[in-house]
Every structure is written in structure tokens, then in C-alpha cells.
Amino acid sequence: MTEREVVKRIEFVPPQKKSEPGLEDVFELLGEPYVDNPDREFFYEGLKVLRCEGEGNFPPVEVPIIGWQRIADSLHEMGYRRIPELVTKQWRPTPGFSPGDPGDRGKFYRRLPDGTWPKEMESNEIDLGDIEVKQQGAGFIALHEPTGVSAEGGTKLQAQSALLIRLEEFQQLNT
């Protein structure tokens, strides 16, 4: 029997599992696009996170689109344009959030019969009657719809208390 000689030894190490990047990481990697005209900016902002307001028993829908800039550029090149006179509703970010924040719930506004848009709610106009508390999983979520501010808690009272603290912070940021 002949003896075998080891010429070169190669060790295979299983690859480390990479965690999936969060939505914030994806937006950070993509960066802010160059905006050369207002029409394109409108599409960029509208396609980062596509938002549809809730209707009836249907909840609101938020769909982040990874290729938003390419889609916006393509729509623009195919002739799609925004015609301001035809817009009947618009989504506005929550005051206090940074522009384009994917976590911003914002609010939809509808054009008034006289053709103007409602003004933004002033932070000192917070009405506690606008607070809604709903069961979510094992706990509760309290939401102040006009500002989009929400908080969670194990009980209704804890959720409301946490929301009041966040509304106070919101008010201080916006005054």
C-alpha cells in the first residue's frame, strides 16, 4: 500500500447567515435622488412608500417600493405628469417627522369645495377627544389620528398614558 501525501489542505467554512436589512437600511443605501424638476419630485415622494387611506373596514395600506426611483423616472419618461387642478386628495407627513421617513403615518387631506386645501393642524390644537384606543395583539394601541402619533401599552390606560407623553413631546417639538 502506498502512502498518500497531502499537497494542499483546503477548509470550507459555512457562510455566516446575513440578516435581512431593515427598510430604513434600504432607504439609507439608496440615498436621496437628484431632483431636476417638480414633476419628478412628486413621483419620487409618492413612490418611496405608496400609501392608501383606510376606508370602511379596510385598514390603511403602506407599501414600500424598493425600486421607487427607477419606477418614477420610467413613469416620467412615459409621459405621466401631475396636474395640480385634478388632485382631489393628498397625503401630508406628520409634523415633527423628517421628510421621507418611512415610519411616518401622516394624514390624507381632501380638497375643500372652494378648491383650497385645509391648513395643517397647529400643535397647540390637540383635542384629546380625537384619541382612539384599540386592542392590538395582547395589548392596546392608542392613536391620535390628526397628528398620527401613537403609543402602545399592556392596558388601555397604559396606552393612553404613553400617548399623552408622546403628544406632549410632539407639542414641544412643534411650538
C-alpha atoms as a PDB file:
ATOM      1  CA  MET A   1       0.000   0.000   0.000  1.00  0.00           C
ATOM      2  CA  THR A   2       1.283   3.465  -0.869  1.00  0.00           C
ATOM      3  CA  GLU A   3       1.180   6.394   1.471  1.00  0.00           C
ATOM      4  CA  ARG A   4      -0.732   9.479   0.324  1.00  0.00           C
ATOM      5  CA  GLU A   5       0.907  12.835   0.551  1.00  0.00           C
ATOM      6  CA  VAL A   6      -1.100  15.955   1.418  1.00  0.00           C
ATOM      7  CA  VAL A   7      -0.173  18.618  -1.106  1.00  0.00           C
ATOM      8  CA  LYS A   8      -2.597  21.364  -0.118  1.00  0.00           C
ATOM      9  CA  ARG A   9      -5.278  21.457   2.510  1.00  0.00           C
ATOM     10  CA  ILE A  10      -8.464  23.489   1.912  1.00  0.00           C
ATOM     11  CA  GLU A  11     -11.031  24.048   4.632  1.00  0.00           C
ATOM     12  CA  PHE A  12     -14.576  25.017   3.791  1.00  0.00           C
ATOM     13  CA  VAL A  13     -16.324  27.198   6.335  1.00  0.00           C
ATOM     14  CA  PRO A  14     -20.109  27.537   6.075  1.00  0.00           C
ATOM     15  CA  PRO A  15     -21.076  31.109   5.225  1.00  0.00           C
ATOM     16  CA  GLN A  16     -22.390  33.255   8.044  1.00  0.00           C
ATOM     17  CA  LYS A  17     -26.077  33.964   7.735  1.00  0.00           C
ATOM     18  CA  LYS A  18     -26.623  37.603   6.937  1.00  0.00           C
ATOM     19  CA  SER A  19     -29.582  39.343   8.467  1.00  0.00           C
ATOM     20  CA  GLU A  20     -32.030  40.979   6.124  1.00  0.00           C
ATOM     21  CA  PRO A  21     -31.624  44.753   6.049  1.00  0.00           C
ATOM     22  CA  GLY A  22     -34.454  46.733   7.590  1.00  0.00           C
ATOM     23  CA  LEU A  23     -36.486  49.134   5.483  1.00  0.00           C
ATOM     24  CA  GLU A  24     -34.574  52.079   6.940  1.00  0.00           C
ATOM     25  CA  ASP A  25     -31.273  50.491   5.811  1.00  0.00           C
ATOM     26  CA  VAL A  26     -32.559  50.082   2.259  1.00  0.00           C
ATOM     27  CA  PHE A  27     -33.633  53.735   2.031  1.00  0.00           C
ATOM     28  CA  GLU A  28     -30.298  54.805   3.539  1.00  0.00           C
ATOM     29  CA  LEU A  29     -28.352  52.741   0.985  1.00  0.00           C
ATOM     30  CA  LEU A  30     -30.357  54.135  -1.917  1.00  0.00           C
ATOM     31  CA  GLY A  31     -29.799  57.719  -0.783  1.00  0.00           C
ATOM     32  CA  GLU A  32     -31.693  60.795  -1.867  1.00  0.00           C
ATOM     33  CA  PRO A  33     -32.113  61.126  -5.626  1.00  0.00           C
ATOM     34  CA  TYR A  34     -31.221  64.135  -7.707  1.00  0.00           C
ATOM     35  CA  VAL A  35     -34.428  66.032  -8.454  1.00  0.00           C
ATOM     36  CA  ASP A  36     -34.317  68.103 -11.623  1.00  0.00           C
ATOM     37  CA  ASN A  37     -37.954  69.237 -11.771  1.00  0.00           C
ATOM     38  CA  PRO A  38     -41.065  69.331  -9.559  1.00  0.00           C
ATOM     39  CA  ASP A  39     -42.922  66.662 -11.582  1.00  0.00           C
ATOM     40  CA  ARG A  40     -40.247  64.102 -10.886  1.00  0.00           C
ATOM     41  CA  GLU A  41     -40.037  65.101  -7.219  1.00  0.00           C
ATOM     42  CA  PHE A  42     -43.780  64.443  -6.942  1.00  0.00           C
ATOM     43  CA  PHE A  43     -43.305  60.879  -8.252  1.00  0.00           C
ATOM     44  CA  TYR A  44     -40.215  60.296  -6.076  1.00  0.00           C
ATOM     45  CA  GLU A  45     -42.081  61.226  -2.907  1.00  0.00           C
ATOM     46  CA  GLY A  46     -45.213  59.319  -3.907  1.00  0.00           C
ATOM     47  CA  LEU A  47     -43.414  56.087  -4.755  1.00  0.00           C
ATOM     48  CA  LYS A  48     -40.945  55.732  -1.853  1.00  0.00           C
ATOM     49  CA  VAL A  49     -43.838  54.439   0.205  1.00  0.00           C
ATOM     50  CA  LEU A  50     -47.139  54.036  -1.630  1.00  0.00           C
ATOM     51  CA  ARG A  51     -49.956  54.964   0.754  1.00  0.00           C
ATOM     52  CA  CYS A  52     -53.699  54.345   0.534  1.00  0.00           C
ATOM     53  CA  GLU A  53     -56.007  55.583   3.247  1.00  0.00           C
ATOM     54  CA  GLY A  54     -58.273  53.192   5.116  1.00  0.00           C
ATOM     55  CA  GLU A  55     -61.887  53.000   4.016  1.00  0.00           C
ATOM     56  CA  GLY A  56     -64.726  51.399   5.935  1.00  0.00           C
ATOM     57  CA  ASN A  57     -63.481  48.158   7.488  1.00  0.00           C
ATOM     58  CA  PHE A  58     -60.303  48.188   5.402  1.00  0.00           C
ATOM     59  CA  PRO A  59     -57.162  49.402   7.167  1.00  0.00           C
ATOM     60  CA  PRO A  60     -54.746  51.878   5.570  1.00  0.00           C
ATOM     61  CA  VAL A  61     -52.119  50.343   3.300  1.00  0.00           C
ATOM     62  CA  GLU A  62     -48.445  51.319   3.184  1.00  0.00           C
ATOM     63  CA  VAL A  63     -46.251  49.566   0.616  1.00  0.00           C
ATOM     64  CA  PRO A  64     -42.547  50.469   0.489  1.00  0.00           C
ATOM     65  CA  ILE A  65     -41.253  50.193  -3.072  1.00  0.00           C
ATOM     66  CA  ILE A  66     -37.591  49.281  -3.350  1.00  0.00           C
ATOM     67  CA  GLY A  67     -37.100  50.460  -6.965  1.00  0.00           C
ATOM     68  CA  TRP A  68     -39.074  53.675  -6.447  1.00  0.00           C
ATOM     69  CA  GLN A  69     -36.590  55.968  -8.199  1.00  0.00           C
ATOM     70  CA  ARG A  70     -36.375  53.819 -11.340  1.00  0.00           C
ATOM     71  CA  ILE A  71     -40.175  53.472 -11.444  1.00  0.00           C
ATOM     72  CA  ALA A  72     -40.637  57.240 -11.005  1.00  0.00           C
ATOM     73  CA  ASP A  73     -38.133  58.006 -13.758  1.00  0.00           C
ATOM     74  CA  SER A  74     -39.798  55.477 -16.054  1.00  0.00           C
ATOM     75  CA  LEU A  75     -43.292  56.905 -15.437  1.00  0.00           C
ATOM     76  CA  HIS A  76     -41.976  60.406 -16.113  1.00  0.00           C
ATOM     77  CA  GLU A  77     -40.299  59.290 -19.336  1.00  0.00           C
ATOM     78  CA  MET A  78     -43.551  57.604 -20.453  1.00  0.00           C
ATOM     79  CA  GLY A  79     -45.330  60.947 -20.179  1.00  0.00           C
ATOM     80  CA  TYR A  80     -47.046  60.703 -16.793  1.00  0.00           C
ATOM     81  CA  ARG A  81     -47.373  64.125 -15.195  1.00  0.00           C
ATOM     82  CA  ARG A  82     -49.044  65.611 -12.162  1.00  0.00           C
ATOM     83  CA  ILE A  83     -51.853  68.021 -12.993  1.00  0.00           C
ATOM     84  CA  PRO A  84     -52.449  70.025  -9.783  1.00  0.00           C
ATOM     85  CA  GLU A  85     -56.002  71.028 -10.779  1.00  0.00           C
ATOM     86  CA  LEU A  86     -57.052  67.349 -10.891  1.00  0.00           C
ATOM     87  CA  VAL A  87     -55.665  66.367  -7.480  1.00  0.00           C
ATOM     88  CA  THR A  88     -58.546  65.767  -5.037  1.00  0.00           C
ATOM     89  CA  LYS A  89     -56.650  64.292  -2.097  1.00  0.00           C
ATOM     90  CA  GLN A  90     -53.109  64.473  -0.858  1.00  0.00           C
ATOM     91  CA  TRP A  91     -51.025  62.836   1.826  1.00  0.00           C
ATOM     92  CA  ARG A  92     -49.042  65.085   4.135  1.00  0.00           C
ATOM     93  CA  PRO A  93     -46.351  63.973   6.556  1.00  0.00           C
ATOM     94  CA  THR A  94     -46.854  64.311  10.276  1.00  0.00           C
ATOM     95  CA  PRO A  95     -45.284  67.495  11.660  1.00  0.00           C
ATOM     96  CA  GLY A  96     -42.110  66.619  13.514  1.00  0.00           C
ATOM     97  CA  PHE A  97     -41.118  63.703  11.267  1.00  0.00           C
ATOM     98  CA  SER A  98     -38.207  64.068   8.888  1.00  0.00           C
ATOM     99  CA  PRO A  99     -39.217  64.271   5.205  1.00  0.00           C
ATOM    100  CA  GLY A 100     -39.483  60.867   3.539  1.00  0.00           C
ATOM    101  CA  ASP A 101     -39.454  58.959   6.844  1.00  0.00           C
ATOM    102  CA  PRO A 102     -40.918  55.526   6.009  1.00  0.00           C
ATOM    103  CA  GLY A 103     -42.346  55.226   9.532  1.00  0.00           C
ATOM    104  CA  ASP A 104     -44.441  58.382   9.200  1.00  0.00           C
ATOM    105  CA  ARG A 105     -48.177  57.614   9.221  1.00  0.00           C
ATOM    106  CA  GLY A 106     -49.087  61.110   8.051  1.00  0.00           C
ATOM    107  CA  LYS A 107     -52.616  62.021   7.067  1.00  0.00           C
ATOM    108  CA  PHE A 108     -54.706  62.333   3.913  1.00  0.00           C
ATOM    109  CA  TYR A 109     -56.408  65.643   3.171  1.00  0.00           C
ATOM    110  CA  ARG A 110     -59.220  66.234   0.680  1.00  0.00           C
ATOM    111  CA  ARG A 111     -59.625  69.402  -1.345  1.00  0.00           C
ATOM    112  CA  LEU A 112     -62.312  71.712   0.064  1.00  0.00           C
ATOM    113  CA  PRO A 113     -65.363  72.620  -2.107  1.00  0.00           C
ATOM    114  CA  ASP A 114     -63.891  76.101  -2.721  1.00  0.00           C
ATOM    115  CA  GLY A 115     -60.804  74.470  -4.311  1.00  0.00           C
ATOM    116  CA  THR A 116     -58.392  75.200  -1.454  1.00  0.00           C
ATOM    117  CA  TRP A 117     -56.648  72.728   0.847  1.00  0.00           C
ATOM    118  CA  PRO A 118     -57.195  72.511   4.614  1.00  0.00           C
ATOM    119  CA  LYS A 119     -54.448  74.073   6.678  1.00  0.00           C
ATOM    120  CA  GLU A 120     -52.134  71.947   8.780  1.00  0.00           C
ATOM    121  CA  MET A 121     -53.330  71.389  12.309  1.00  0.00           C
ATOM    122  CA  GLU A 122     -51.475  73.537  14.791  1.00  0.00           C
ATOM    123  CA  SER A 123     -49.728  71.553  17.510  1.00  0.00           C
ATOM    124  CA  ASN A 124     -51.485  73.609  20.217  1.00  0.00           C
ATOM    125  CA  GLU A 125     -54.882  72.499  18.825  1.00  0.00           C
ATOM    126  CA  ILE A 126     -54.584  68.908  20.089  1.00  0.00           C
ATOM    127  CA  ASP A 127     -58.034  67.644  21.055  1.00  0.00           C
ATOM    128  CA  LEU A 128     -57.970  64.701  23.472  1.00  0.00           C
ATOM    129  CA  GLY A 129     -61.360  63.632  22.118  1.00  0.00           C
ATOM    130  CA  ASP A 130     -59.553  62.534  18.949  1.00  0.00           C
ATOM    131  CA  ILE A 131     -57.742  59.712  20.810  1.00  0.00           C
ATOM    132  CA  GLU A 132     -58.769  56.204  19.747  1.00  0.00           C
ATOM    133  CA  VAL A 133     -57.737  53.093  21.686  1.00  0.00           C
ATOM    134  CA  LYS A 134     -57.904  49.686  20.001  1.00  0.00           C
ATOM    135  CA  GLN A 135     -56.852  46.217  21.017  1.00  0.00           C
ATOM    136  CA  GLN A 136     -53.773  45.037  19.158  1.00  0.00           C
ATOM    137  CA  GLY A 137     -52.500  41.546  19.855  1.00  0.00           C
ATOM    138  CA  ALA A 138     -52.117  41.057  23.593  1.00  0.00           C
ATOM    139  CA  GLY A 139     -52.059  44.803  24.311  1.00  0.00           C
ATOM    140  CA  PHE A 140     -53.613  48.061  23.190  1.00  0.00           C
ATOM    141  CA  ILE A 141     -52.649  50.885  20.863  1.00  0.00           C
ATOM    142  CA  ALA A 142     -53.733  54.486  21.374  1.00  0.00           C
ATOM    143  CA  LEU A 143     -53.779  56.748  18.313  1.00  0.00           C
ATOM    144  CA  HIS A 144     -54.308  60.468  17.883  1.00  0.00           C
ATOM    145  CA  GLU A 145     -55.374  60.462  14.220  1.00  0.00           C
ATOM    146  CA  PRO A 146     -54.919  64.181  13.369  1.00  0.00           C
ATOM    147  CA  THR A 147     -51.225  64.094  14.323  1.00  0.00           C
ATOM    148  CA  GLY A 148     -50.525  60.439  13.511  1.00  0.00           C
ATOM    149  CA  VAL A 149     -48.918  59.977  16.937  1.00  0.00           C
ATOM    150  CA  SER A 150     -49.481  56.554  18.526  1.00  0.00           C
ATOM    151  CA  ALA A 151     -48.327  54.560  21.553  1.00  0.00           C
ATOM    152  CA  GLU A 152     -48.743  51.015  22.811  1.00  0.00           C
ATOM    153  CA  GLY A 153     -49.424  49.607  26.258  1.00  0.00           C
ATOM    154  CA  GLY A 154     -50.457  46.440  28.020  1.00  0.00           C
ATOM    155  CA  THR A 155     -53.728  48.019  29.147  1.00  0.00           C
ATOM    156  CA  LYS A 156     -55.921  50.782  27.729  1.00  0.00           C
ATOM    157  CA  LEU A 157     -54.763  53.150  30.460  1.00  0.00           C
ATOM    158  CA  GLN A 158     -51.074  52.422  29.806  1.00  0.00           C
ATOM    159  CA  ALA A 159     -51.533  53.019  26.075  1.00  0.00           C
ATOM    160  CA  GLN A 160     -53.358  56.316  26.711  1.00  0.00           C
ATOM    161  CA  SER A 161     -50.741  57.453  29.241  1.00  0.00           C
ATOM    162  CA  ALA A 162     -47.906  56.676  26.844  1.00  0.00           C
ATOM    163  CA  LEU A 163     -49.749  58.522  24.080  1.00  0.00           C
ATOM    164  CA  LEU A 164     -50.241  61.611  26.257  1.00  0.00           C
ATOM    165  CA  ILE A 165     -46.492  61.709  26.925  1.00  0.00           C
ATOM    166  CA  ARG A 166     -45.754  61.420  23.185  1.00  0.00           C
ATOM    167  CA  LEU A 167     -48.339  64.127  22.374  1.00  0.00           C
ATOM    168  CA  GLU A 168     -46.674  66.433  24.896  1.00  0.00           C
ATOM    169  CA  GLU A 169     -43.285  65.781  23.212  1.00  0.00           C
ATOM    170  CA  PHE A 170     -44.915  66.386  19.812  1.00  0.00           C
ATOM    171  CA  GLN A 171     -46.358  69.677  21.036  1.00  0.00           C
ATOM    172  CA  GLN A 172     -42.983  70.832  22.405  1.00  0.00           C
ATOM    173  CA  LEU A 173     -41.235  69.962  19.115  1.00  0.00           C
ATOM    174  CA  ASN A 174     -43.763  71.913  17.070  1.00  0.00           C
ATOM    175  CA  THR A 175     -44.127  75.109  19.090  1.00  0.00           C
END
